[in-house]
Amino acid sequence: MDDMKTDCKGCSATVRVTPAEAEDAFAKLRLPPGTRLADETEYRRRLDICSSCVELEYGTTCRQCGCLVQVRAHLASDGCPRPGGSGWKK
């Protein structure tokens, strides 16, 4: 492991999760009825964009907003939080 600090500033928990753990977190969410989800093609497209973004940390965390991109990318109404315009725009 590198020498980079990996603990949350506000607690003693690690901030690193694997992509599989992020997917598992999404699967366990209790979303409000009617929450629209991105279809699989759109979800994969969003993750592809995130994977090449300089703001992606640990392969899962967006440095702009702190979200797990594997969760945010599933939500149809969410956009990329990058300043100056969403990286997810088509």
PDB file of N, CA and C in Angstrom:
ATOM      1  N   MET A   1       0.846  -1.174   0.000  1.00  0.00           N
ATOM      2  CA  MET A   1       0.000   0.000   0.000  1.00  0.00           C
ATOM      3  C   MET A   1       0.893   1.239   0.000  1.00  0.00           C
ATOM      4  N   ASP A   2       0.452   2.287  -0.659  1.00  0.00           N
ATOM      5  CA  ASP A   2       1.242   3.506  -0.714  1.00  0.00           C
ATOM      6  C   ASP A   2       1.172   4.255   0.614  1.00  0.00           C
ATOM      7  N   ASP A   3       1.952   5.323   0.726  1.00  0.00           N
ATOM      8  CA  ASP A   3       2.012   6.095   1.962  1.00  0.00           C
ATOM      9  C   ASP A   3       0.900   7.124   2.077  1.00  0.00           C
ATOM     10  N   MET A   4       0.017   7.197   1.103  1.00  0.00           N
ATOM     11  CA  MET A   4      -1.071   8.171   1.105  1.00  0.00           C
ATOM     12  C   MET A   4      -2.045   7.876   2.247  1.00  0.00           C
ATOM     13  N   LYS A   5      -2.480   8.930   2.942  1.00  0.00           N
ATOM     14  CA  LYS A   5      -3.461   8.769   4.010  1.00  0.00           C
ATOM     15  C   LYS A   5      -4.756   8.221   3.416  1.00  0.00           C
ATOM     16  N   THR A   6      -5.280   7.175   4.045  1.00  0.00           N
ATOM     17  CA  THR A   6      -6.488   6.551   3.516  1.00  0.00           C
ATOM     18  C   THR A   6      -7.633   6.538   4.514  1.00  0.00           C
ATOM     19  N   ASP A   7      -7.469   7.260   5.629  1.00  0.00           N
ATOM     20  CA  ASP A   7      -8.537   7.307   6.612  1.00  0.00           C
ATOM     21  C   ASP A   7      -9.388   8.550   6.413  1.00  0.00           C
ATOM     22  N   CYS A   8     -10.645   8.425   6.736  1.00  0.00           N
ATOM     23  CA  CYS A   8     -11.570   9.547   6.688  1.00  0.00           C
ATOM     24  C   CYS A   8     -11.127  10.604   7.693  1.00  0.00           C
ATOM     25  N   LYS A   9     -11.260  11.886   7.329  1.00  0.00           N
ATOM     26  CA  LYS A   9     -10.872  12.967   8.236  1.00  0.00           C
ATOM     27  C   LYS A   9     -11.742  12.984   9.491  1.00  0.00           C
ATOM     28  N   GLY A  10     -12.967  12.539   9.389  1.00  0.00           N
ATOM     29  CA  GLY A  10     -13.895  12.631  10.507  1.00  0.00           C
ATOM     30  C   GLY A  10     -14.046  11.370  11.339  1.00  0.00           C
ATOM     31  N   CYS A  11     -13.383  10.314  10.961  1.00  0.00           N
ATOM     32  CA  CYS A  11     -13.517   9.068  11.712  1.00  0.00           C
ATOM     33  C   CYS A  11     -12.289   8.200  11.483  1.00  0.00           C
ATOM     34  N   SER A  12     -12.309   7.022  12.014  1.00  0.00           N
ATOM     35  CA  SER A  12     -11.151   6.153  11.851  1.00  0.00           C
ATOM     36  C   SER A  12     -11.352   5.131  10.742  1.00  0.00           C
ATOM     37  N   ALA A  13     -12.450   5.223  10.033  1.00  0.00           N
ATOM     38  CA  ALA A  13     -12.734   4.258   8.966  1.00  0.00           C
ATOM     39  C   ALA A  13     -11.916   4.560   7.720  1.00  0.00           C
ATOM     40  N   THR A  14     -11.603   3.550   6.973  1.00  0.00           N
ATOM     41  CA  THR A  14     -10.914   3.744   5.717  1.00  0.00           C
ATOM     42  C   THR A  14     -11.871   4.326   4.687  1.00  0.00           C
ATOM     43  N   VAL A  15     -11.341   5.130   3.781  1.00  0.00           N
ATOM     44  CA  VAL A  15     -12.168   5.697   2.728  1.00  0.00           C
ATOM     45  C   VAL A  15     -12.084   4.874   1.455  1.00  0.00           C
ATOM     46  N   ARG A  16     -11.258   3.874   1.464  1.00  0.00           N
ATOM     47  CA  ARG A  16     -11.105   3.040   0.269  1.00  0.00           C
ATOM     48  C   ARG A  16     -12.104   1.901   0.279  1.00  0.00           C
ATOM     49  N   VAL A  17     -12.821   1.783  -0.815  1.00  0.00           N
ATOM     50  CA  VAL A  17     -13.700   0.635  -1.037  1.00  0.00           C
ATOM     51  C   VAL A  17     -13.401   0.120  -2.434  1.00  0.00           C
ATOM     52  N   THR A  18     -13.652  -1.129  -2.657  1.00  0.00           N
ATOM     53  CA  THR A  18     -13.453  -1.694  -3.981  1.00  0.00           C
ATOM     54  C   THR A  18     -14.676  -1.391  -4.840  1.00  0.00           C
ATOM     55  N   PRO A  19     -14.535  -1.468  -6.165  1.00  0.00           N
ATOM     56  CA  PRO A  19     -15.725  -1.320  -7.007  1.00  0.00           C
ATOM     57  C   PRO A  19     -16.830  -2.313  -6.635  1.00  0.00           C
ATOM     58  N   ALA A  20     -16.449  -3.529  -6.256  1.00  0.00           N
ATOM     59  CA  ALA A  20     -17.452  -4.527  -5.860  1.00  0.00           C
ATOM     60  C   ALA A  20     -18.173  -4.096  -4.587  1.00  0.00           C
ATOM     61  N   GLU A  21     -17.455  -3.501  -3.636  1.00  0.00           N
ATOM     62  CA  GLU A  21     -18.088  -3.011  -2.412  1.00  0.00           C
ATOM     63  C   GLU A  21     -19.018  -1.841  -2.719  1.00  0.00           C
ATOM     64  N   ALA A  22     -18.634  -0.992  -3.668  1.00  0.00           N
ATOM     65  CA  ALA A  22     -19.496   0.116  -4.068  1.00  0.00           C
ATOM     66  C   ALA A  22     -20.776  -0.407  -4.708  1.00  0.00           C
ATOM     67  N   GLU A  23     -20.664  -1.421  -5.564  1.00  0.00           N
ATOM     68  CA  GLU A  23     -21.848  -2.037  -6.171  1.00  0.00           C
ATOM     69  C   GLU A  23     -22.743  -2.652  -5.101  1.00  0.00           C
ATOM     70  N   ASP A  24     -22.125  -3.297  -4.123  1.00  0.00           N
ATOM     71  CA  ASP A  24     -22.876  -3.903  -3.031  1.00  0.00           C
ATOM     72  C   ASP A  24     -23.614  -2.828  -2.233  1.00  0.00           C
ATOM     73  N   ALA A  25     -22.977  -1.685  -2.023  1.00  0.00           N
ATOM     74  CA  ALA A  25     -23.624  -0.577  -1.320  1.00  0.00           C
ATOM     75  C   ALA A  25     -24.864  -0.122  -2.084  1.00  0.00           C
ATOM     76  N   PHE A  26     -24.756  -0.029  -3.414  1.00  0.00           N
ATOM     77  CA  PHE A  26     -25.919   0.363  -4.211  1.00  0.00           C
ATOM     78  C   PHE A  26     -27.037  -0.666  -4.077  1.00  0.00           C
ATOM     79  N   ALA A  27     -26.678  -1.943  -4.132  1.00  0.00           N
ATOM     80  CA  ALA A  27     -27.687  -3.005  -4.047  1.00  0.00           C
ATOM     81  C   ALA A  27     -28.450  -2.955  -2.721  1.00  0.00           C
ATOM     82  N   LYS A  28     -27.821  -2.439  -1.684  1.00  0.00           N
ATOM     83  CA  LYS A  28     -28.449  -2.388  -0.363  1.00  0.00           C
ATOM     84  C   LYS A  28     -29.231  -1.100  -0.100  1.00  0.00           C
ATOM     85  N   LEU A  29     -29.136  -0.139  -1.010  1.00  0.00           N
ATOM     86  CA  LEU A  29     -29.872   1.119  -0.828  1.00  0.00           C
ATOM     87  C   LEU A  29     -31.378   0.878  -0.871  1.00  0.00           C
ATOM     88  N   ARG A  30     -32.080   1.617  -0.061  1.00  0.00           N
ATOM     89  CA  ARG A  30     -33.549   1.604  -0.106  1.00  0.00           C
ATOM     90  C   ARG A  30     -33.968   2.875  -0.827  1.00  0.00           C
ATOM     91  N   LEU A  31     -34.143   2.754  -2.110  1.00  0.00           N
ATOM     92  CA  LEU A  31     -34.491   3.914  -2.930  1.00  0.00           C
ATOM     93  C   LEU A  31     -35.984   4.196  -2.836  1.00  0.00           C
ATOM     94  N   PRO A  32     -36.352   5.464  -2.876  1.00  0.00           N
ATOM     95  CA  PRO A  32     -37.783   5.797  -2.855  1.00  0.00           C
ATOM     96  C   PRO A  32     -38.492   5.185  -4.063  1.00  0.00           C
ATOM     97  N   PRO A  33     -39.753   4.793  -3.898  1.00  0.00           N
ATOM     98  CA  PRO A  33     -40.509   4.274  -5.035  1.00  0.00           C
ATOM     99  C   PRO A  33     -40.496   5.292  -6.177  1.00  0.00           C
ATOM    100  N   GLY A  34     -40.356   4.797  -7.373  1.00  0.00           N
ATOM    101  CA  GLY A  34     -40.356   5.661  -8.544  1.00  0.00           C
ATOM    102  C   GLY A  34     -38.990   6.214  -8.916  1.00  0.00           C
ATOM    103  N   THR A  35     -37.955   5.889  -8.146  1.00  0.00           N
ATOM    104  CA  THR A  35     -36.610   6.356  -8.483  1.00  0.00           C
ATOM    105  C   THR A  35     -36.212   5.765  -9.829  1.00  0.00           C
ATOM    106  N   ARG A  36     -35.884   6.645 -10.755  1.00  0.00           N
ATOM    107  CA  ARG A  36     -35.481   6.180 -12.082  1.00  0.00           C
ATOM    108  C   ARG A  36     -34.004   5.812 -12.073  1.00  0.00           C
ATOM    109  N   LEU A  37     -33.709   4.655 -12.661  1.00  0.00           N
ATOM    110  CA  LEU A  37     -32.333   4.186 -12.762  1.00  0.00           C
ATOM    111  C   LEU A  37     -31.869   4.254 -14.206  1.00  0.00           C
ATOM    112  N   ALA A  38     -30.594   4.490 -14.381  1.00  0.00           N
ATOM    113  CA  ALA A  38     -30.011   4.456 -15.721  1.00  0.00           C
ATOM    114  C   ALA A  38     -30.023   3.015 -16.211  1.00  0.00           C
ATOM    115  N   ASP A  39     -30.271   2.823 -17.497  1.00  0.00           N
ATOM    116  CA  ASP A  39     -30.195   1.459 -18.016  1.00  0.00           C
ATOM    117  C   ASP A  39     -28.730   1.010 -18.029  1.00  0.00           C
ATOM    118  N   GLU A  40     -28.500  -0.255 -18.240  1.00  0.00           N
ATOM    119  CA  GLU A  40     -27.153  -0.829 -18.155  1.00  0.00           C
ATOM    120  C   GLU A  40     -26.171  -0.158 -19.113  1.00  0.00           C
ATOM    121  N   THR A  41     -26.623   0.160 -20.322  1.00  0.00           N
ATOM    122  CA  THR A  41     -25.753   0.810 -21.306  1.00  0.00           C
ATOM    123  C   THR A  41     -25.318   2.187 -20.818  1.00  0.00           C
ATOM    124  N   GLU A  42     -26.267   2.959 -20.311  1.00  0.00           N
ATOM    125  CA  GLU A  42     -25.959   4.294 -19.796  1.00  0.00           C
ATOM    126  C   GLU A  42     -25.071   4.211 -18.558  1.00  0.00           C
ATOM    127  N   TYR A  43     -25.359   3.276 -17.692  1.00  0.00           N
ATOM    128  CA  TYR A  43     -24.552   3.076 -16.487  1.00  0.00           C
ATOM    129  C   TYR A  43     -23.097   2.791 -16.861  1.00  0.00           C
ATOM    130  N   ARG A  44     -22.886   1.882 -17.789  1.00  0.00           N
ATOM    131  CA  ARG A  44     -21.515   1.526 -18.223  1.00  0.00           C
ATOM    132  C   ARG A  44     -20.836   2.715 -18.906  1.00  0.00           C
ATOM    133  N   ARG A  45     -21.590   3.473 -19.689  1.00  0.00           N
ATOM    134  CA  ARG A  45     -21.035   4.654 -20.360  1.00  0.00           C
ATOM    135  C   ARG A  45     -20.547   5.660 -19.316  1.00  0.00           C
ATOM    136  N   ARG A  46     -21.345   5.884 -18.308  1.00  0.00           N
ATOM    137  CA  ARG A  46     -20.962   6.811 -17.243  1.00  0.00           C
ATOM    138  C   ARG A  46     -19.710   6.331 -16.512  1.00  0.00           C
ATOM    139  N   LEU A  47     -19.669   5.048 -16.178  1.00  0.00           N
ATOM    140  CA  LEU A  47     -18.491   4.518 -15.486  1.00  0.00           C
ATOM    141  C   LEU A  47     -17.238   4.611 -16.355  1.00  0.00           C
ATOM    142  N   ASP A  48     -17.383   4.401 -17.642  1.00  0.00           N
ATOM    143  CA  ASP A  48     -16.237   4.538 -18.558  1.00  0.00           C
ATOM    144  C   ASP A  48     -15.693   5.962 -18.517  1.00  0.00           C
ATOM    145  N   ILE A  49     -16.592   6.939 -18.501  1.00  0.00           N
ATOM    146  CA  ILE A  49     -16.171   8.340 -18.432  1.00  0.00           C
ATOM    147  C   ILE A  49     -15.479   8.606 -17.097  1.00  0.00           C
ATOM    148  N   CYS A  50     -16.062   8.131 -16.016  1.00  0.00           N
ATOM    149  CA  CYS A  50     -15.468   8.332 -14.695  1.00  0.00           C
ATOM    150  C   CYS A  50     -14.092   7.667 -14.591  1.00  0.00           C
ATOM    151  N   SER A  51     -13.948   6.510 -15.195  1.00  0.00           N
ATOM    152  CA  SER A  51     -12.681   5.784 -15.056  1.00  0.00           C
ATOM    153  C   SER A  51     -11.496   6.531 -15.651  1.00  0.00           C
ATOM    154  N   SER A  52     -11.753   7.447 -16.577  1.00  0.00           N
ATOM    155  CA  SER A  52     -10.655   8.214 -17.165  1.00  0.00           C
ATOM    156  C   SER A  52     -10.571   9.637 -16.606  1.00  0.00           C
ATOM    157  N   CYS A  53     -11.382   9.948 -15.607  1.00  0.00           N
ATOM    158  CA  CYS A  53     -11.417  11.293 -15.033  1.00  0.00           C
ATOM    159  C   CYS A  53     -10.316  11.454 -13.976  1.00  0.00           C
ATOM    160  N   VAL A  54      -9.642  12.596 -14.010  1.00  0.00           N
ATOM    161  CA  VAL A  54      -8.580  12.863 -13.026  1.00  0.00           C
ATOM    162  C   VAL A  54      -9.138  13.042 -11.618  1.00  0.00           C
ATOM    163  N   GLU A  55     -10.437  13.247 -11.489  1.00  0.00           N
ATOM    164  CA  GLU A  55     -11.066  13.442 -10.180  1.00  0.00           C
ATOM    165  C   GLU A  55     -11.475  12.125  -9.517  1.00  0.00           C
ATOM    166  N   LEU A  56     -11.243  10.992 -10.177  1.00  0.00           N
ATOM    167  CA  LEU A  56     -11.600   9.697  -9.593  1.00  0.00           C
ATOM    168  C   LEU A  56     -10.483   9.231  -8.666  1.00  0.00           C
ATOM    169  N   GLU A  57     -10.842   8.910  -7.448  1.00  0.00           N
ATOM    170  CA  GLU A  57      -9.895   8.470  -6.431  1.00  0.00           C
ATOM    171  C   GLU A  57     -10.184   7.015  -6.084  1.00  0.00           C
ATOM    172  N   TYR A  58      -9.166   6.200  -6.021  1.00  0.00           N
ATOM    173  CA  TYR A  58      -9.277   4.789  -5.627  1.00  0.00           C
ATOM    174  C   TYR A  58     -10.150   3.946  -6.557  1.00  0.00           C
ATOM    175  N   GLY A  59     -10.506   4.473  -7.712  1.00  0.00           N
ATOM    176  CA  GLY A  59     -11.347   3.732  -8.647  1.00  0.00           C
ATOM    177  C   GLY A  59     -12.820   3.728  -8.295  1.00  0.00           C
ATOM    178  N   THR A  60     -13.180   4.455  -7.228  1.00  0.00           N
ATOM    179  CA  THR A  60     -14.572   4.431  -6.782  1.00  0.00           C
ATOM    180  C   THR A  60     -15.112   5.783  -6.345  1.00  0.00           C
ATOM    181  N   THR A  61     -14.261   6.693  -5.898  1.00  0.00           N
ATOM    182  CA  THR A  61     -14.708   7.902  -5.224  1.00  0.00           C
ATOM    183  C   THR A  61     -14.444   9.154  -6.051  1.00  0.00           C
ATOM    184  N   CYS A  62     -15.478   9.964  -6.220  1.00  0.00           N
ATOM    185  CA  CYS A  62     -15.349  11.232  -6.933  1.00  0.00           C
ATOM    186  C   CYS A  62     -14.816  12.283  -5.965  1.00  0.00           C
ATOM    187  N   ARG A  63     -13.701  12.908  -6.315  1.00  0.00           N
ATOM    188  CA  ARG A  63     -13.137  13.940  -5.438  1.00  0.00           C
ATOM    189  C   ARG A  63     -13.953  15.231  -5.470  1.00  0.00           C
ATOM    190  N   GLN A  64     -14.803  15.420  -6.462  1.00  0.00           N
ATOM    191  CA  GLN A  64     -15.626  16.631  -6.527  1.00  0.00           C
ATOM    192  C   GLN A  64     -16.742  16.616  -5.488  1.00  0.00           C
ATOM    193  N   CYS A  65     -17.354  15.455  -5.272  1.00  0.00           N
ATOM    194  CA  CYS A  65     -18.499  15.420  -4.355  1.00  0.00           C
ATOM    195  C   CYS A  65     -18.387  14.357  -3.265  1.00  0.00           C
ATOM    196  N   GLY A  66     -17.427  13.443  -3.395  1.00  0.00           N
ATOM    197  CA  GLY A  66     -17.255  12.404  -2.390  1.00  0.00           C
ATOM    198  C   GLY A  66     -18.125  11.179  -2.584  1.00  0.00           C
ATOM    199  N   CYS A  67     -18.903  11.159  -3.664  1.00  0.00           N
ATOM    200  CA  CYS A  67     -19.798  10.022  -3.886  1.00  0.00           C
ATOM    201  C   CYS A  67     -19.031   8.807  -4.388  1.00  0.00           C
ATOM    202  N   LEU A  68     -19.661   7.665  -4.265  1.00  0.00           N
ATOM    203  CA  LEU A  68     -19.179   6.455  -4.922  1.00  0.00           C
ATOM    204  C   LEU A  68     -19.755   6.486  -6.328  1.00  0.00           C
ATOM    205  N   VAL A  69     -18.888   6.540  -7.335  1.00  0.00           N
ATOM    206  CA  VAL A  69     -19.390   6.699  -8.701  1.00  0.00           C
ATOM    207  C   VAL A  69     -20.239   5.513  -9.131  1.00  0.00           C
ATOM    208  N   GLN A  70     -19.988   4.334  -8.590  1.00  0.00           N
ATOM    209  CA  GLN A  70     -20.799   3.168  -8.944  1.00  0.00           C
ATOM    210  C   GLN A  70     -22.231   3.315  -8.447  1.00  0.00           C
ATOM    211  N   VAL A  71     -22.448   4.131  -7.429  1.00  0.00           N
ATOM    212  CA  VAL A  71     -23.804   4.408  -6.953  1.00  0.00           C
ATOM    213  C   VAL A  71     -24.413   5.543  -7.775  1.00  0.00           C
ATOM    214  N   ARG A  72     -23.704   6.654  -7.867  1.00  0.00           N
ATOM    215  CA  ARG A  72     -24.220   7.836  -8.575  1.00  0.00           C
ATOM    216  C   ARG A  72     -24.558   7.519 -10.026  1.00  0.00           C
ATOM    217  N   ALA A  73     -23.744   6.723 -10.687  1.00  0.00           N
ATOM    218  CA  ALA A  73     -23.952   6.409 -12.103  1.00  0.00           C
ATOM    219  C   ALA A  73     -25.233   5.619 -12.343  1.00  0.00           C
ATOM    220  N   HIS A  74     -25.723   4.925 -11.345  1.00  0.00           N
ATOM    221  CA  HIS A  74     -26.974   4.166 -11.480  1.00  0.00           C
ATOM    222  C   HIS A  74     -28.199   5.067 -11.509  1.00  0.00           C
ATOM    223  N   LEU A  75     -28.119   6.234 -10.890  1.00  0.00           N
ATOM    224  CA  LEU A  75     -29.287   7.093 -10.720  1.00  0.00           C
ATOM    225  C   LEU A  75     -29.490   7.977 -11.945  1.00  0.00           C
ATOM    226  N   ALA A  76     -30.573   7.759 -12.650  1.00  0.00           N
ATOM    227  CA  ALA A  76     -30.824   8.440 -13.925  1.00  0.00           C
ATOM    228  C   ALA A  76     -30.830   9.952 -13.789  1.00  0.00           C
ATOM    229  N   SER A  77     -31.329  10.461 -12.677  1.00  0.00           N
ATOM    230  CA  SER A  77     -31.452  11.910 -12.529  1.00  0.00           C
ATOM    231  C   SER A  77     -30.163  12.583 -12.073  1.00  0.00           C
ATOM    232  N   ASP A  78     -29.183  11.813 -11.644  1.00  0.00           N
ATOM    233  CA  ASP A  78     -27.920  12.402 -11.192  1.00  0.00           C
ATOM    234  C   ASP A  78     -27.008  12.698 -12.370  1.00  0.00           C
ATOM    235  N   GLY A  79     -26.169  13.672 -12.178  1.00  0.00           N
ATOM    236  CA  GLY A  79     -25.198  14.035 -13.199  1.00  0.00           C
ATOM    237  C   GLY A  79     -23.803  14.032 -12.614  1.00  0.00           C
ATOM    238  N   CYS A  80     -22.856  14.209 -13.452  1.00  0.00           N
ATOM    239  CA  CYS A  80     -21.466  14.337 -13.041  1.00  0.00           C
ATOM    240  C   CYS A  80     -21.312  15.687 -12.333  1.00  0.00           C
ATOM    241  N   PRO A  81     -20.672  15.729 -11.162  1.00  0.00           N
ATOM    242  CA  PRO A  81     -20.552  16.977 -10.417  1.00  0.00           C
ATOM    243  C   PRO A  81     -19.373  17.863 -10.834  1.00  0.00           C
ATOM    244  N   ARG A  82     -18.689  17.485 -11.880  1.00  0.00           N
ATOM    245  CA  ARG A  82     -17.507  18.238 -12.294  1.00  0.00           C
ATOM    246  C   ARG A  82     -17.876  19.695 -12.605  1.00  0.00           C
ATOM    247  N   PRO A  83     -17.145  20.640 -12.038  1.00  0.00           N
ATOM    248  CA  PRO A  83     -17.418  22.067 -12.324  1.00  0.00           C
ATOM    249  C   PRO A  83     -17.262  22.351 -13.814  1.00  0.00           C
ATOM    250  N   GLY A  84     -18.082  23.249 -14.302  1.00  0.00           N
ATOM    251  CA  GLY A  84     -17.979  23.629 -15.702  1.00  0.00           C
ATOM    252  C   GLY A  84     -18.774  22.742 -16.638  1.00  0.00           C
ATOM    253  N   GLY A  85     -19.516  21.813 -16.107  1.00  0.00           N
ATOM    254  CA  GLY A  85     -20.342  20.962 -16.953  1.00  0.00           C
ATOM    255  C   GLY A  85     -20.105  19.491 -16.698  1.00  0.00           C
ATOM    256  N   SER A  86     -21.144  18.743 -16.805  1.00  0.00           N
ATOM    257  CA  SER A  86     -21.087  17.324 -16.550  1.00  0.00           C
ATOM    258  C   SER A  86     -20.229  16.586 -17.550  1.00  0.00           C
ATOM    259  N   GLY A  87     -19.411  15.701 -17.049  1.00  0.00           N
ATOM    260  CA  GLY A  87     -18.633  14.829 -17.920  1.00  0.00           C
ATOM    261  C   GLY A  87     -19.506  13.758 -18.563  1.00  0.00           C
ATOM    262  N   TRP A  88     -20.736  13.630 -18.091  1.00  0.00           N
ATOM    263  CA  TRP A  88     -21.635  12.595 -18.616  1.00  0.00           C
ATOM    264  C   TRP A  88     -22.494  13.072 -19.765  1.00  0.00           C
ATOM    265  N   LYS A  89     -22.427  14.351 -20.107  1.00  0.00           N
ATOM    266  CA  LYS A  89     -23.274  14.834 -21.199  1.00  0.00           C
ATOM    267  C   LYS A  89     -22.988  14.056 -22.469  1.00  0.00           C
ATOM    268  N   LYS A  90     -24.042  13.804 -23.223  1.00  0.00           N
ATOM    269  CA  LYS A  90     -23.903  13.063 -24.473  1.00  0.00           C
ATOM    270  C   LYS A  90     -23.551  13.995 -25.590  1.00  0.00           C
TER     271      LYS A  90
END
